[in-house]
PDB file of N, CA and C in Angstrom:
ATOM      1  N   MET A   1       6.684 -10.251  27.470  1.00  0.00           N
ATOM      2  CA  MET A   1       5.672 -10.632  26.488  1.00  0.00           C
ATOM      3  C   MET A   1       6.156 -11.897  25.766  1.00  0.00           C
ATOM      4  N   ASN A   2       5.338 -12.910  25.737  1.00  0.00           N
ATOM      5  CA  ASN A   2       5.770 -14.136  25.076  1.00  0.00           C
ATOM      6  C   ASN A   2       5.486 -14.050  23.575  1.00  0.00           C
ATOM      7  N   ASN A   3       5.914 -15.072  22.872  1.00  0.00           N
ATOM      8  CA  ASN A   3       5.788 -15.072  21.412  1.00  0.00           C
ATOM      9  C   ASN A   3       4.335 -14.997  20.945  1.00  0.00           C
ATOM     10  N   ASN A   4       3.446 -15.707  21.631  1.00  0.00           N
ATOM     11  CA  ASN A   4       2.031 -15.673  21.241  1.00  0.00           C
ATOM     12  C   ASN A   4       1.440 -14.284  21.396  1.00  0.00           C
ATOM     13  N   GLU A   5       1.773 -13.619  22.503  1.00  0.00           N
ATOM     14  CA  GLU A   5       1.270 -12.263  22.716  1.00  0.00           C
ATOM     15  C   GLU A   5       1.824 -11.310  21.657  1.00  0.00           C
ATOM     16  N   LEU A   6       3.093 -11.470  21.343  1.00  0.00           N
ATOM     17  CA  LEU A   6       3.703 -10.635  20.304  1.00  0.00           C
ATOM     18  C   LEU A   6       3.047 -10.877  18.952  1.00  0.00           C
ATOM     19  N   LEU A   7       2.788 -12.130  18.662  1.00  0.00           N
ATOM     20  CA  LEU A   7       2.145 -12.492  17.406  1.00  0.00           C
ATOM     21  C   LEU A   7       0.748 -11.883  17.321  1.00  0.00           C
ATOM     22  N   VAL A   8      -0.006 -11.967  18.395  1.00  0.00           N
ATOM     23  CA  VAL A   8      -1.357 -11.399  18.425  1.00  0.00           C
ATOM     24  C   VAL A   8      -1.293  -9.884  18.267  1.00  0.00           C
ATOM     25  N   GLN A   9      -0.383  -9.251  18.983  1.00  0.00           N
ATOM     26  CA  GLN A   9      -0.242  -7.790  18.893  1.00  0.00           C
ATOM     27  C   GLN A   9       0.143  -7.382  17.471  1.00  0.00           C
ATOM     28  N   THR A  10       1.072  -8.087  16.876  1.00  0.00           N
ATOM     29  CA  THR A  10       1.507  -7.779  15.513  1.00  0.00           C
ATOM     30  C   THR A  10       0.363  -7.960  14.523  1.00  0.00           C
ATOM     31  N   ALA A  11      -0.400  -9.035  14.690  1.00  0.00           N
ATOM     32  CA  ALA A  11      -1.542  -9.285  13.803  1.00  0.00           C
ATOM     33  C   ALA A  11      -2.566  -8.161  13.930  1.00  0.00           C
ATOM     34  N   ARG A  12      -2.818  -7.710  15.150  1.00  0.00           N
ATOM     35  CA  ARG A  12      -3.772  -6.608  15.359  1.00  0.00           C
ATOM     36  C   ARG A  12      -3.277  -5.319  14.708  1.00  0.00           C
ATOM     37  N   GLU A  13      -1.992  -5.042  14.865  1.00  0.00           N
ATOM     38  CA  GLU A  13      -1.422  -3.832  14.266  1.00  0.00           C
ATOM     39  C   GLU A  13      -1.492  -3.897  12.738  1.00  0.00           C
ATOM     40  N   LEU A  14      -1.198  -5.056  12.187  1.00  0.00           N
ATOM     41  CA  LEU A  14      -1.274  -5.214  10.734  1.00  0.00           C
ATOM     42  C   LEU A  14      -2.712  -5.084  10.243  1.00  0.00           C
ATOM     43  N   ALA A  15      -3.665  -5.630  10.980  1.00  0.00           N
ATOM     44  CA  ALA A  15      -5.078  -5.516  10.611  1.00  0.00           C
ATOM     45  C   ALA A  15      -5.522  -4.057  10.641  1.00  0.00           C
ATOM     46  N   ALA A  16      -5.082  -3.315  11.653  1.00  0.00           N
ATOM     47  CA  ALA A  16      -5.434  -1.900  11.755  1.00  0.00           C
ATOM     48  C   ALA A  16      -4.834  -1.111  10.600  1.00  0.00           C
ATOM     49  N   ARG A  17      -3.588  -1.412  10.248  1.00  0.00           N
ATOM     50  CA  ARG A  17      -2.948  -0.730   9.116  1.00  0.00           C
ATOM     51  C   ARG A  17      -3.669  -1.047   7.815  1.00  0.00           C
ATOM     52  N   LEU A  18      -4.038  -2.292   7.631  1.00  0.00           N
ATOM     53  CA  LEU A  18      -4.758  -2.698   6.429  1.00  0.00           C
ATOM     54  C   LEU A  18      -6.099  -1.983   6.358  1.00  0.00           C
ATOM     55  N   SER A  19      -6.786  -1.926   7.476  1.00  0.00           N
ATOM     56  CA  SER A  19      -8.076  -1.233   7.524  1.00  0.00           C
ATOM     57  C   SER A  19      -7.906   0.233   7.156  1.00  0.00           C
ATOM     58  N   ASN A  20      -6.900   0.880   7.719  1.00  0.00           N
ATOM     59  CA  ASN A  20      -6.635   2.287   7.402  1.00  0.00           C
ATOM     60  C   ASN A  20      -6.289   2.466   5.928  1.00  0.00           C
ATOM     61  N   ALA A  21      -5.517   1.547   5.379  1.00  0.00           N
ATOM     62  CA  ALA A  21      -5.154   1.627   3.966  1.00  0.00           C
ATOM     63  C   ALA A  21      -6.389   1.472   3.084  1.00  0.00           C
ATOM     64  N   GLU A  22      -7.294   0.579   3.471  1.00  0.00           N
ATOM     65  CA  GLU A  22      -8.527   0.394   2.704  1.00  0.00           C
ATOM     66  C   GLU A  22      -9.405   1.638   2.764  1.00  0.00           C
ATOM     67  N   ILE A  23      -9.456   2.261   3.936  1.00  0.00           N
ATOM     68  CA  ILE A  23     -10.226   3.501   4.081  1.00  0.00           C
ATOM     69  C   ILE A  23      -9.613   4.592   3.206  1.00  0.00           C
ATOM     70  N   ASP A  24      -8.290   4.723   3.232  1.00  0.00           N
ATOM     71  CA  ASP A  24      -7.606   5.712   2.399  1.00  0.00           C
ATOM     72  C   ASP A  24      -7.879   5.452   0.922  1.00  0.00           C
ATOM     73  N   ARG A  25      -7.811   4.196   0.535  1.00  0.00           N
ATOM     74  CA  ARG A  25      -8.043   3.827  -0.869  1.00  0.00           C
ATOM     75  C   ARG A  25      -9.469   4.183  -1.288  1.00  0.00           C
ATOM     76  N   ALA A  26     -10.423   3.887  -0.439  1.00  0.00           N
ATOM     77  CA  ALA A  26     -11.814   4.212  -0.742  1.00  0.00           C
ATOM     78  C   ALA A  26     -12.007   5.725  -0.839  1.00  0.00           C
ATOM     79  N   SER A  27     -11.346   6.454   0.036  1.00  0.00           N
ATOM     80  CA  SER A  27     -11.448   7.908   0.021  1.00  0.00           C
ATOM     81  C   SER A  27     -10.851   8.478  -1.268  1.00  0.00           C
ATOM     82  N   PHE A  28      -9.669   7.973  -1.649  1.00  0.00           N
ATOM     83  CA  PHE A  28      -9.044   8.437  -2.891  1.00  0.00           C
ATOM     84  C   PHE A  28      -9.909   8.097  -4.090  1.00  0.00           C
ATOM     85  N   ARG A  29     -10.514   6.918  -4.061  1.00  0.00           N
ATOM     86  CA  ARG A  29     -11.388   6.510  -5.176  1.00  0.00           C
ATOM     87  C   ARG A  29     -12.605   7.431  -5.264  1.00  0.00           C
ATOM     88  N   ALA A  30     -13.194   7.750  -4.123  1.00  0.00           N
ATOM     89  CA  ALA A  30     -14.345   8.660  -4.115  1.00  0.00           C
ATOM     90  C   ALA A  30     -13.943  10.040  -4.641  1.00  0.00           C
ATOM     91  N   GLN A  31     -12.771  10.508  -4.247  1.00  0.00           N
ATOM     92  CA  GLN A  31     -12.292  11.797  -4.739  1.00  0.00           C
ATOM     93  C   GLN A  31     -12.067  11.753  -6.244  1.00  0.00           C
ATOM     94  N   ALA A  32     -11.504  10.652  -6.737  1.00  0.00           N
ATOM     95  CA  ALA A  32     -11.258  10.516  -8.172  1.00  0.00           C
ATOM     96  C   ALA A  32     -12.569  10.514  -8.950  1.00  0.00           C
ATOM     97  N   ILE A  33     -13.568   9.816  -8.432  1.00  0.00           N
ATOM     98  CA  ILE A  33     -14.877   9.787  -9.096  1.00  0.00           C
ATOM     99  C   ILE A  33     -15.487  11.189  -9.099  1.00  0.00           C
ATOM    100  N   GLU A  34     -15.392  11.869  -7.988  1.00  0.00           N
ATOM    101  CA  GLU A  34     -15.936  13.226  -7.885  1.00  0.00           C
ATOM    102  C   GLU A  34     -15.236  14.161  -8.871  1.00  0.00           C
ATOM    103  N   LEU A  35     -13.918  14.060  -8.956  1.00  0.00           N
ATOM    104  CA  LEU A  35     -13.168  14.911  -9.883  1.00  0.00           C
ATOM    105  C   LEU A  35     -13.483  14.568 -11.336  1.00  0.00           C
ATOM    106  N   GLN A  36     -13.682  13.291 -11.626  1.00  0.00           N
ATOM    107  CA  GLN A  36     -14.044  12.881 -12.984  1.00  0.00           C
ATOM    108  C   GLN A  36     -15.412  13.457 -13.350  1.00  0.00           C
ATOM    109  N   ASN A  37     -16.355  13.407 -12.428  1.00  0.00           N
ATOM    110  CA  ASN A  37     -17.680  13.984 -12.671  1.00  0.00           C
ATOM    111  C   ASN A  37     -17.589  15.494 -12.908  1.00  0.00           C
ATOM    112  N   GLU A  38     -16.779  16.154 -12.102  1.00  0.00           N
ATOM    113  CA  GLU A  38     -16.584  17.596 -12.264  1.00  0.00           C
ATOM    114  C   GLU A  38     -15.952  17.895 -13.620  1.00  0.00           C
ATOM    115  N   ASN A  39     -14.991  17.080 -14.006  1.00  0.00           N
ATOM    116  CA  ASN A  39     -14.331  17.245 -15.299  1.00  0.00           C
ATOM    117  C   ASN A  39     -15.332  17.075 -16.445  1.00  0.00           C
ATOM    118  N   ASP A  40     -16.197  16.072 -16.338  1.00  0.00           N
ATOM    119  CA  ASP A  40     -17.225  15.842 -17.357  1.00  0.00           C
ATOM    120  C   ASP A  40     -18.168  17.043 -17.465  1.00  0.00           C
ATOM    121  N   GLN A  41     -18.537  17.606 -16.308  1.00  0.00           N
ATOM    122  CA  GLN A  41     -19.422  18.772 -16.306  1.00  0.00           C
ATOM    123  C   GLN A  41     -18.746  19.974 -16.967  1.00  0.00           C
ATOM    124  N   LEU A  42     -17.464  20.154 -16.679  1.00  0.00           N
ATOM    125  CA  LEU A  42     -16.731  21.267 -17.287  1.00  0.00           C
ATOM    126  C   LEU A  42     -16.604  21.085 -18.801  1.00  0.00           C
ATOM    127  N   LYS A  43     -16.369  19.855 -19.239  1.00  0.00           N
ATOM    128  CA  LYS A  43     -16.302  19.585 -20.678  1.00  0.00           C
ATOM    129  C   LYS A  43     -17.632  19.925 -21.347  1.00  0.00           C
ATOM    130  N   LYS A  44     -18.726  19.574 -20.680  1.00  0.00           N
ATOM    131  CA  LYS A  44     -20.052  19.870 -21.229  1.00  0.00           C
ATOM    132  C   LYS A  44     -20.274  21.377 -21.290  1.00  0.00           C
ATOM    133  N   GLN A  45     -19.860  22.090 -20.250  1.00  0.00           N
ATOM    134  CA  GLN A  45     -20.001  23.544 -20.251  1.00  0.00           C
ATOM    135  C   GLN A  45     -19.199  24.164 -21.388  1.00  0.00           C
ATOM    136  N   ILE A  46     -17.984  23.664 -21.610  1.00  0.00           N
ATOM    137  CA  ILE A  46     -17.150  24.175 -22.702  1.00  0.00           C
ATOM    138  C   ILE A  46     -17.831  23.932 -24.038  1.00  0.00           C
ATOM    139  N   LYS A  47     -18.358  22.720 -24.225  1.00  0.00           N
ATOM    140  CA  LYS A  47     -19.043  22.401 -25.481  1.00  0.00           C
ATOM    141  C   LYS A  47     -20.256  23.298 -25.671  1.00  0.00           C
ATOM    142  N   ASP A  48     -21.042  23.492 -24.608  1.00  0.00           N
ATOM    143  CA  ASP A  48     -22.217  24.351 -24.684  1.00  0.00           C
ATOM    144  C   ASP A  48     -21.828  25.789 -25.049  1.00  0.00           C
ATOM    145  N   LEU A  49     -20.754  26.276 -24.441  1.00  0.00           N
ATOM    146  CA  LEU A  49     -20.286  27.640 -24.740  1.00  0.00           C
ATOM    147  C   LEU A  49     -19.779  27.737 -26.174  1.00  0.00           C
ATOM    148  N   GLN A  50     -19.081  26.715 -26.630  1.00  0.00           N
ATOM    149  CA  GLN A  50     -18.610  26.727 -28.014  1.00  0.00           C
ATOM    150  C   GLN A  50     -19.781  26.715 -28.980  1.00  0.00           C
ATOM    151  N   ASP A  51     -20.808  25.919 -28.664  1.00  0.00           N
ATOM    152  CA  ASP A  51     -22.020  25.879 -29.495  1.00  0.00           C
ATOM    153  C   ASP A  51     -22.696  27.249 -29.507  1.00  0.00           C
ATOM    154  N   GLU A  52     -22.778  27.870 -28.353  1.00  0.00           N
ATOM    155  CA  GLU A  52     -23.393  29.201 -28.247  1.00  0.00           C
ATOM    156  C   GLU A  52     -22.616  30.227 -29.066  1.00  0.00           C
ATOM    157  N   LEU A  53     -21.295  30.169 -29.006  1.00  0.00           N
ATOM    158  CA  LEU A  53     -20.467  31.085 -29.786  1.00  0.00           C
ATOM    159  C   LEU A  53     -20.669  30.856 -31.282  1.00  0.00           C
ATOM    160  N   GLY A  54     -20.786  29.580 -31.657  1.00  0.00           N
ATOM    161  CA  GLY A  54     -21.003  29.259 -33.069  1.00  0.00           C
ATOM    162  C   GLY A  54     -22.317  29.821 -33.571  1.00  0.00           C
ATOM    163  N   LYS A  55     -23.334  29.844 -32.727  1.00  0.00           N
ATOM    164  CA  LYS A  55     -24.633  30.399 -33.121  1.00  0.00           C
ATOM    165  C   LYS A  55     -24.579  31.918 -33.245  1.00  0.00           C
ATOM    166  N   GLN A  56     -23.729  32.570 -32.466  1.00  0.00           N
ATOM    167  CA  GLN A  56     -23.656  34.027 -32.468  1.00  0.00           C
ATOM    168  C   GLN A  56     -22.892  34.572 -33.666  1.00  0.00           C
ATOM    169  N   LYS A  57     -22.102  33.742 -34.295  1.00  0.00           N
ATOM    170  CA  LYS A  57     -21.289  34.218 -35.440  1.00  0.00           C
ATOM    171  C   LYS A  57     -22.087  34.258 -36.695  1.00  0.00           C
TER     172      LYS A  57
END
């Protein structure tokens, strides 16, 4: 394999790794957004339950 072929192969491998890293990053970001939304919903449920308890006293 000559230097040009090695260079092309290395560039392709690096591009594939970068693509995979971007996919992983996007996936982690989507998971973080989903968890943040779930957290917000749980906070609202807690507040609603606290309000309900306050009315019952």
